[in-house]
Protein backbone atom coordinates (compact mmCIF):
# COMPACT_ATOMS: atom_id res chain seq x y z
CA MET A 1 0.20 -0.01 0.34
CA SER A 2 1.27 3.54 -0.90
CA THR A 3 2.13 5.98 1.70
CA ILE A 4 -0.85 7.86 3.07
CA TYR A 5 -0.37 10.62 5.49
CA ASN A 6 -3.63 11.41 7.50
CA PHE A 7 -4.16 15.17 8.24
CA TYR A 8 -8.07 14.86 9.58
CA ALA A 9 -8.60 16.79 12.41
CA GLY A 10 -10.25 13.86 14.22
CA PRO A 11 -10.37 11.16 14.97
CA ALA A 12 -6.47 11.74 13.61
CA VAL A 13 -3.49 9.98 13.02
CA ILE A 14 -2.16 7.18 15.64
CA TYR A 15 1.15 6.41 16.08
CA ASP A 16 2.31 2.85 13.99
CA GLU A 17 4.25 1.86 16.78
CA VAL A 18 0.85 1.90 19.17
CA LEU A 19 -1.07 0.50 16.17
CA ALA A 20 1.19 -2.54 15.89
CA ARG A 21 1.32 -2.93 19.25
CA ALA A 22 -2.56 -3.07 19.82
CA LYS A 23 -2.47 -5.45 16.58
CA GLU A 24 -0.11 -8.24 18.52
CA GLU A 25 -2.30 -8.04 21.45
CA PHE A 26 -5.68 -8.16 20.01
CA LEU A 27 -6.41 -11.70 20.45
CA ASP A 28 -4.69 -12.11 23.73
CA PHE A 29 -4.74 -9.04 25.77
CA ALA A 30 -1.92 -9.54 28.91
CA GLY A 31 -2.12 -13.43 28.40
CA THR A 32 -6.08 -13.78 29.65
CA GLY A 33 -6.52 -15.33 26.28
CA MET A 34 -9.38 -13.13 25.39
CA SER A 35 -9.34 -9.55 23.45
CA VAL A 36 -9.29 -6.29 25.25
CA LEU A 37 -12.44 -5.91 23.44
CA GLU A 38 -14.18 -8.87 25.54
CA ILE A 39 -12.33 -8.52 28.50
CA SER A 40 -14.40 -7.15 31.76
CA HIS A 41 -13.76 -4.12 33.03
CA ARG A 42 -13.50 -5.42 36.36
CA ALA A 43 -10.89 -7.69 35.67
CA LYS A 44 -7.88 -7.60 37.25
CA ALA A 45 -5.87 -6.47 34.08
CA PHE A 46 -8.08 -3.96 33.33
CA ASP A 47 -7.91 -2.58 36.26
CA GLU A 48 -4.33 -2.05 36.13
CA VAL A 49 -4.45 -0.52 32.63
CA VAL A 50 -6.56 2.33 34.05
CA ALA A 51 -4.39 2.56 37.29
CA GLU A 52 -0.91 2.56 35.08
CA ALA A 53 -3.08 5.10 32.10
CA GLU A 54 -3.80 7.18 35.33
CA ALA A 55 0.18 7.33 36.57
CA ASN A 56 1.35 7.90 33.08
CA MET A 57 -1.07 10.71 32.43
CA LYS A 58 0.06 12.53 35.80
CA GLU A 59 3.75 11.52 34.69
CA LEU A 60 3.98 13.26 31.71
CA MET A 61 2.20 16.37 33.17
CA GLY A 62 4.32 16.45 35.77
CA LEU A 63 1.45 16.18 38.34
CA GLY A 64 1.42 14.95 41.79
CA ASP A 65 -1.26 13.13 44.27
CA ASP A 66 -3.23 16.34 44.48
CA TYR A 67 -4.54 15.23 40.96
CA ARG A 68 -7.33 12.54 39.83
CA VAL A 69 -7.12 11.46 36.09
CA LEU A 70 -10.64 10.33 35.02
CA PHE A 71 -11.58 8.26 32.08
CA LEU A 72 -15.03 9.31 30.84
CA GLN A 73 -17.38 8.97 27.82
CA GLY A 74 -20.02 12.00 26.21
CA GLY A 75 -16.60 13.59 24.28
CA ALA A 76 -15.98 17.16 25.11
CA SER A 77 -19.18 18.39 24.09
CA THR A 78 -20.69 16.67 27.40
CA GLN A 79 -18.19 18.32 29.75
CA PHE A 80 -19.54 21.58 28.35
CA SER A 81 -22.34 20.69 30.64
CA MET A 82 -20.79 18.67 33.55
CA LEU A 83 -18.50 21.39 34.12
CA PRO A 84 -21.23 23.70 35.27
CA MET A 85 -23.44 21.48 36.29
CA ASN A 86 -20.58 20.60 38.97
CA PHE A 87 -19.04 24.02 39.57
CA LEU A 88 -21.12 26.79 38.33
CA PRO A 89 -23.74 27.68 41.08
CA GLN A 90 -27.24 29.03 40.05
CA ASP A 91 -26.55 32.64 41.50
CA GLY A 92 -22.81 32.70 40.49
CA THR A 93 -20.63 33.53 37.57
CA ALA A 94 -18.33 31.57 35.36
CA ASP A 95 -15.79 33.16 32.88
CA TYR A 96 -15.57 32.11 29.51
CA ILE A 97 -12.69 33.22 27.00
CA LEU A 98 -14.13 32.89 23.34
CA THR A 99 -11.53 32.21 21.03
CA GLY A 100 -13.50 29.95 18.44
CA SER A 101 -16.73 27.58 18.01
CA TRP A 102 -16.28 25.36 21.03
CA SER A 103 -15.53 28.24 23.77
CA GLU A 104 -18.59 29.44 22.27
CA LYS A 105 -20.75 26.20 22.49
CA ALA A 106 -19.09 25.74 26.13
CA MET A 107 -20.21 28.89 27.18
CA LYS A 108 -23.82 28.42 25.49
CA GLU A 109 -24.05 25.48 27.75
CA ALA A 110 -23.06 26.81 30.67
CA LYS A 111 -25.33 29.64 30.14
CA LYS A 112 -28.14 27.00 31.30
CA ILE A 113 -27.01 26.54 34.34
CA GLY A 114 -26.01 30.02 36.10
CA GLY A 115 -24.33 33.20 34.82
CA VAL A 116 -21.63 33.74 32.28
CA HIS A 117 -19.40 36.25 31.28
CA ALA A 118 -17.16 36.44 28.33
CA ALA A 119 -13.57 37.65 29.70
CA PHE A 120 -13.09 38.06 25.69
CA GLU A 121 -14.49 37.33 22.71
CA GLY A 122 -12.91 36.81 19.09
CA GLY A 123 -16.00 36.65 16.62
CA GLU A 124 -15.49 40.15 15.71
CA ASN A 125 -11.88 39.37 14.02
CA HIS A 126 -13.27 36.02 12.59
CA TYR A 127 -11.18 34.09 15.56
CA ARG A 128 -8.05 34.81 13.95
CA HIS A 129 -6.32 36.04 17.17
CA ILE A 130 -5.42 34.65 20.77
CA PRO A 131 -5.81 37.46 23.32
CA GLY A 132 -3.04 38.66 25.32
CA GLN A 133 -3.12 38.67 29.23
CA GLU A 134 -3.89 42.51 28.72
CA GLU A 135 -6.99 41.74 26.42
CA LEU A 136 -8.32 39.79 29.27
CA THR A 137 -11.27 41.40 31.16
CA PHE A 138 -12.16 38.67 34.04
CA SER A 139 -15.87 39.36 36.14
CA ASP A 140 -15.78 39.57 40.18
CA ALA A 141 -15.12 36.22 41.75
CA PRO A 142 -15.86 34.02 39.30
CA ALA A 143 -16.30 30.51 40.14
CA TYR A 144 -14.07 29.43 37.04
CA VAL A 145 -12.21 30.72 34.17
CA HIS A 146 -12.80 28.33 31.20
CA MET A 147 -10.18 28.52 28.12
CA THR A 148 -9.94 26.29 24.83
CA THR A 149 -6.35 26.20 24.58
CA ASN A 150 -6.31 25.21 20.81
CA ASN A 151 -8.75 26.15 18.12
CA THR A 152 -9.14 23.15 15.48
CA ILE A 153 -11.67 24.75 13.14
CA TYR A 154 -9.61 28.26 13.07
CA GLY A 155 -6.26 27.48 13.60
CA THR A 156 -5.25 29.54 16.84
CA GLU A 157 -3.63 28.08 20.01
CA PHE A 158 -2.61 29.91 23.51
CA HIS A 159 1.07 29.79 23.77
CA TYR A 160 0.90 31.02 27.61
CA VAL A 161 -1.17 30.46 30.73
CA PRO A 162 -3.69 33.54 31.72
CA GLU A 163 -2.95 34.73 34.96
CA THR A 164 -6.08 34.97 37.41
CA ASP A 165 -7.05 34.15 40.67
CA ALA A 166 -9.88 31.85 39.91
CA PRO A 167 -9.77 28.42 39.18
CA LEU A 168 -8.40 27.85 35.86
CA VAL A 169 -10.57 25.26 33.52
CA ALA A 170 -9.36 24.03 30.17
CA ASP A 171 -10.00 22.17 26.92
CA MET A 172 -7.39 20.59 25.74
CA SER A 173 -8.87 18.33 23.30
CA SER A 174 -6.86 19.23 20.43
CA ASP A 175 -3.27 20.15 21.69
CA ILE A 176 -2.90 17.86 24.74
CA LEU A 177 0.37 16.61 25.50
CA SER A 178 1.91 18.56 22.48
CA GLY A 179 4.19 19.74 24.21
CA PRO A 180 5.27 21.15 28.29
CA VAL A 181 2.58 23.36 29.71
CA ALA A 182 2.53 23.85 33.47
CA PHE A 183 -0.56 21.94 33.85
CA ASP A 184 -0.28 22.77 37.98
CA ARG A 185 -1.90 26.06 37.05
CA PHE A 186 -5.24 24.17 35.94
CA SER A 187 -8.15 23.41 38.57
CA LEU A 188 -9.98 20.90 35.90
CA ILE A 189 -8.58 19.97 32.38
CA TYR A 190 -10.50 17.95 29.56
CA ALA A 191 -9.81 16.57 26.53
CA GLY A 192 -11.45 14.23 23.88
CA ALA A 193 -8.95 11.74 23.14
CA GLN A 194 -9.73 11.09 19.52
CA LYS A 195 -6.50 13.72 18.23
CA ASN A 196 -3.89 13.58 20.23
CA LEU A 197 -4.31 10.58 22.86
CA GLY A 198 -5.95 8.01 20.98
CA PRO A 199 -9.29 7.03 19.23
CA ALA A 200 -12.57 8.38 19.74
CA GLY A 201 -14.82 7.12 22.74
CA VAL A 202 -13.08 8.11 25.46
CA THR A 203 -12.69 11.80 27.38
CA VAL A 204 -9.95 12.43 29.86
CA VAL A 205 -9.99 14.46 32.46
CA VAL A 206 -7.82 15.59 34.89
CA LEU A 207 -8.79 17.54 38.02
CA ARG A 208 -7.29 18.77 41.33
CA LYS A 209 -8.78 17.30 44.61
CA SER A 210 -9.59 20.20 46.21
CA PHE A 211 -11.73 21.73 43.30
CA LEU A 212 -13.38 18.49 43.27
CA GLU A 213 -13.91 18.79 46.90
CA LYS A 214 -15.81 22.05 45.88
CA ALA A 215 -18.24 20.53 43.42
CA GLY A 216 -22.06 20.93 44.45
CA ASP A 217 -24.70 18.52 44.34
CA VAL A 218 -25.29 17.13 41.15
CA PRO A 219 -28.95 15.28 40.81
CA ALA A 220 -27.76 12.79 37.66
CA THR A 221 -24.75 10.39 39.30
CA MET A 222 -23.41 10.11 35.76
CA LEU A 223 -22.82 13.70 35.68
CA LYS A 224 -20.75 13.88 39.28
CA TYR A 225 -17.09 13.98 39.02
CA ALA A 226 -16.78 12.77 42.49
CA THR A 227 -18.61 9.32 40.98
CA HIS A 228 -16.54 8.39 38.80
CA ALA A 229 -13.48 9.80 41.16
CA GLU A 230 -14.25 7.42 44.06
CA LYS A 231 -14.63 4.19 41.37
CA ASN A 232 -11.55 5.11 39.88
CA SER A 233 -13.54 5.40 36.37
CA LEU A 234 -15.01 2.19 36.70
CA TYR A 235 -18.54 2.97 38.17
CA ASN A 236 -20.34 1.68 35.10
CA THR A 237 -18.97 0.30 31.92
CA PRO A 238 -16.00 2.49 30.27
CA PRO A 239 -15.19 2.41 26.70
CA VAL A 240 -12.43 -0.62 27.62
CA PHE A 241 -11.04 -0.40 24.59
CA SER A 242 -10.12 3.31 23.88
CA VAL A 243 -8.62 3.48 27.58
CA TYR A 244 -6.29 0.96 26.66
CA MET A 245 -5.36 2.40 23.59
CA VAL A 246 -4.74 5.91 25.33
CA ASN A 247 -2.37 4.09 27.62
CA LEU A 248 -0.48 2.68 24.60
CA VAL A 249 0.18 5.80 23.39
CA LEU A 250 1.27 7.61 26.83
CA ARG A 251 3.39 4.66 27.30
CA HIS A 252 4.58 5.44 23.58
CA LEU A 253 5.19 9.25 24.62
CA LYS A 254 7.28 8.54 27.24
CA SER A 255 9.71 6.16 25.12
CA LEU A 256 10.09 9.20 22.72
CA GLY A 257 11.31 11.80 25.17
CA GLY A 258 8.20 12.87 26.92
CA LEU A 259 7.02 16.22 25.80
CA PRO A 260 10.06 18.49 25.46
CA ALA A 261 10.80 15.63 22.62
CA ALA A 262 6.94 16.22 21.22
CA ALA A 263 7.34 20.08 21.23
CA LYS A 264 10.39 20.19 19.42
CA THR A 265 8.84 17.60 16.66
CA ASN A 266 5.88 19.87 16.37
CA ALA A 267 7.35 22.72 15.84
CA GLU A 268 9.39 21.10 13.21
CA LYS A 269 6.42 20.12 11.56
CA ALA A 270 3.93 23.16 11.94
CA LYS A 271 7.21 25.00 10.28
CA TYR A 272 7.57 23.32 7.36
CA ILE A 273 4.05 24.23 6.17
CA TYR A 274 4.11 27.80 7.88
CA ASP A 275 7.25 28.34 5.63
CA ALA A 276 5.00 27.16 2.45
CA ILE A 277 2.41 29.75 3.02
CA ASP A 278 4.90 32.62 4.36
CA SER A 279 6.97 32.00 1.08
CA SER A 280 4.14 31.96 -1.21
CA ASP A 281 3.74 35.44 -1.86
CA GLY A 282 -0.13 34.99 -1.02
CA PHE A 283 -0.89 31.91 -3.28
CA TYR A 284 -1.66 30.33 0.20
CA ARG A 285 -3.25 32.54 2.76
CA GLY A 286 -3.27 31.67 6.58
CA HIS A 287 -6.24 32.12 8.56
CA ALA A 288 -4.59 33.07 11.81
CA GLU A 289 -2.41 36.04 12.97
CA LYS A 290 1.56 34.72 13.38
CA GLU A 291 1.47 35.13 16.91
CA SER A 292 -1.63 33.14 17.66
CA ARG A 293 -0.98 30.02 15.32
CA SER A 294 -1.67 26.53 16.11
CA LEU A 295 1.25 23.77 16.16
CA MET A 296 -1.18 21.81 15.92
CA ASN A 297 -3.82 22.73 12.95
CA ILE A 298 -2.96 24.91 10.23
CA THR A 299 -5.53 26.66 8.40
CA PHE A 300 -5.27 28.57 5.02
CA THR A 301 -7.13 29.41 2.08
CA MET A 302 -6.29 30.18 -1.57
CA ALA A 303 -7.60 32.58 -4.33
CA ASP A 304 -10.97 31.29 -5.06
CA ALA A 305 -13.25 27.45 -3.99
CA ASP A 306 -12.71 26.13 -7.10
CA LEU A 307 -8.73 25.82 -6.80
CA GLU A 308 -9.12 24.60 -3.01
CA LYS A 309 -10.80 21.95 -4.58
CA ARG A 310 -8.15 21.06 -6.99
CA PHE A 311 -5.83 21.38 -4.39
CA VAL A 312 -7.89 18.81 -1.99
CA ALA A 313 -8.23 16.76 -4.75
CA GLU A 314 -4.75 16.53 -6.04
CA ALA A 315 -3.83 16.00 -2.65
CA GLU A 316 -5.33 12.91 -1.76
CA ALA A 317 -4.24 11.61 -5.07
CA GLU A 318 -0.69 11.94 -3.78
CA GLY A 319 -1.85 10.30 -0.66
CA PHE A 320 -2.71 13.27 1.90
CA ILE A 321 -6.47 12.98 3.20
CA GLY A 322 -8.27 15.50 5.41
CA LEU A 323 -7.07 18.85 4.25
CA LYS A 324 -10.11 20.15 3.24
CA GLY A 325 -11.35 22.92 6.13
CA HIS A 326 -14.10 22.62 8.30
CA ARG A 327 -17.29 23.22 6.58
CA SER A 328 -18.67 26.22 9.13
CA VAL A 329 -15.37 28.19 7.65
CA GLY A 330 -14.15 26.55 4.53
CA GLY A 331 -10.58 26.42 3.21
CA LEU A 332 -7.80 24.34 4.06
CA ARG A 333 -6.43 22.42 6.88
CA ALA A 334 -3.50 20.31 7.47
CA SER A 335 -3.66 18.76 11.14
CA VAL A 336 -0.19 17.88 12.52
CA TYR A 337 -1.19 16.04 15.76
CA ASN A 338 1.99 14.18 17.55
CA ALA A 339 1.49 11.33 15.78
CA MET A 340 2.28 12.96 12.37
CA PRO A 341 5.52 12.02 11.31
CA VAL A 342 7.59 14.88 10.35
CA ALA A 343 8.28 13.74 6.75
CA GLY A 344 4.85 13.73 6.41
CA ALA A 345 4.71 17.49 6.86
CA GLY A 346 7.91 18.19 4.92
CA ALA A 347 6.01 16.09 1.96
CA LEU A 348 2.93 18.28 1.96
CA ALA A 349 5.17 21.26 2.07
CA ASP A 350 6.71 19.83 -0.93
CA PHE A 351 3.52 19.20 -2.59
CA MET A 352 2.34 23.03 -1.66
CA ALA A 353 5.00 23.98 -3.54
CA GLU A 354 4.50 22.08 -6.73
CA PHE A 355 0.97 22.77 -6.62
CA MET A 356 1.87 26.85 -6.62
CA ARG A 357 4.50 26.13 -9.48
CA LYS A 358 1.54 24.42 -11.41
CA ASN A 359 -1.26 26.66 -10.73
CA GLY A 360 0.53 30.09 -9.80
């Protein structure tokens, strides 16, 4: 089979080595004689997977025993509701930093629970810009401040952690573990796994124990963080295979040198493609302002939609898939998550140069 480079925004590319390990263990997991798809989530062998995954996640993030890692279902979209249900009193206010569609959706759900305040609104600039600290306007004593660290649709990313006296919460679905971050500055982090952590089906939640103790009463048992923390993510049947795959990814990340190594290769990959955009004399037009550019999702447009369609079609013929932009904004998008090899980004940059030569 010819080489395929997967630039989809999610579900996204997974390390070849991880897929090979899963294939090797698929019919006989940990000597049980059963597939991991068949094993009971109450089995000792799977208990060990959950415990190791939590330990690996905290080790990579540099977090200690004052944090818990939960493996939940429902995607980041369920967290949009679960977060305020647990931590936003009806008479309270939560601050949301609006940098794209997902932060808008998160605030919309929170508004159903309690008061909300937009600490920054980037829509007027078509979400091309990540605000600096001086552009953030917080309310008085918010229950928490919510941010989306990377915006897959618009191709922007926070490259700093905002300062706030309130508990800081982050949706890190599309850039989690892509490089070192002061993770201990956050009270709660959540991330759908299907971009940087593994396959779809599981959402990783990392939360500070002292923040969990502040959670209010939630009538829905499954929507209480405490329910899952008390049962080590095993209150009900978890997405067993997805959790297993996340643990394999975490192991592999550690073997590569952890987050400093990931940051180095991610910067190298992004540079290939951004250089192709910046050197094109306007043939390719980046959406995000340069200082706000994402290292995970590179968004750009061309002179007209027909040329973009031709680009996508010819790219697919050459083995570059998933380059069509999100339906809400159009254009083109190359997602270069942790598992995208450097060779893939370099090959795409070469294709972009050749396409411009033929069509410029």
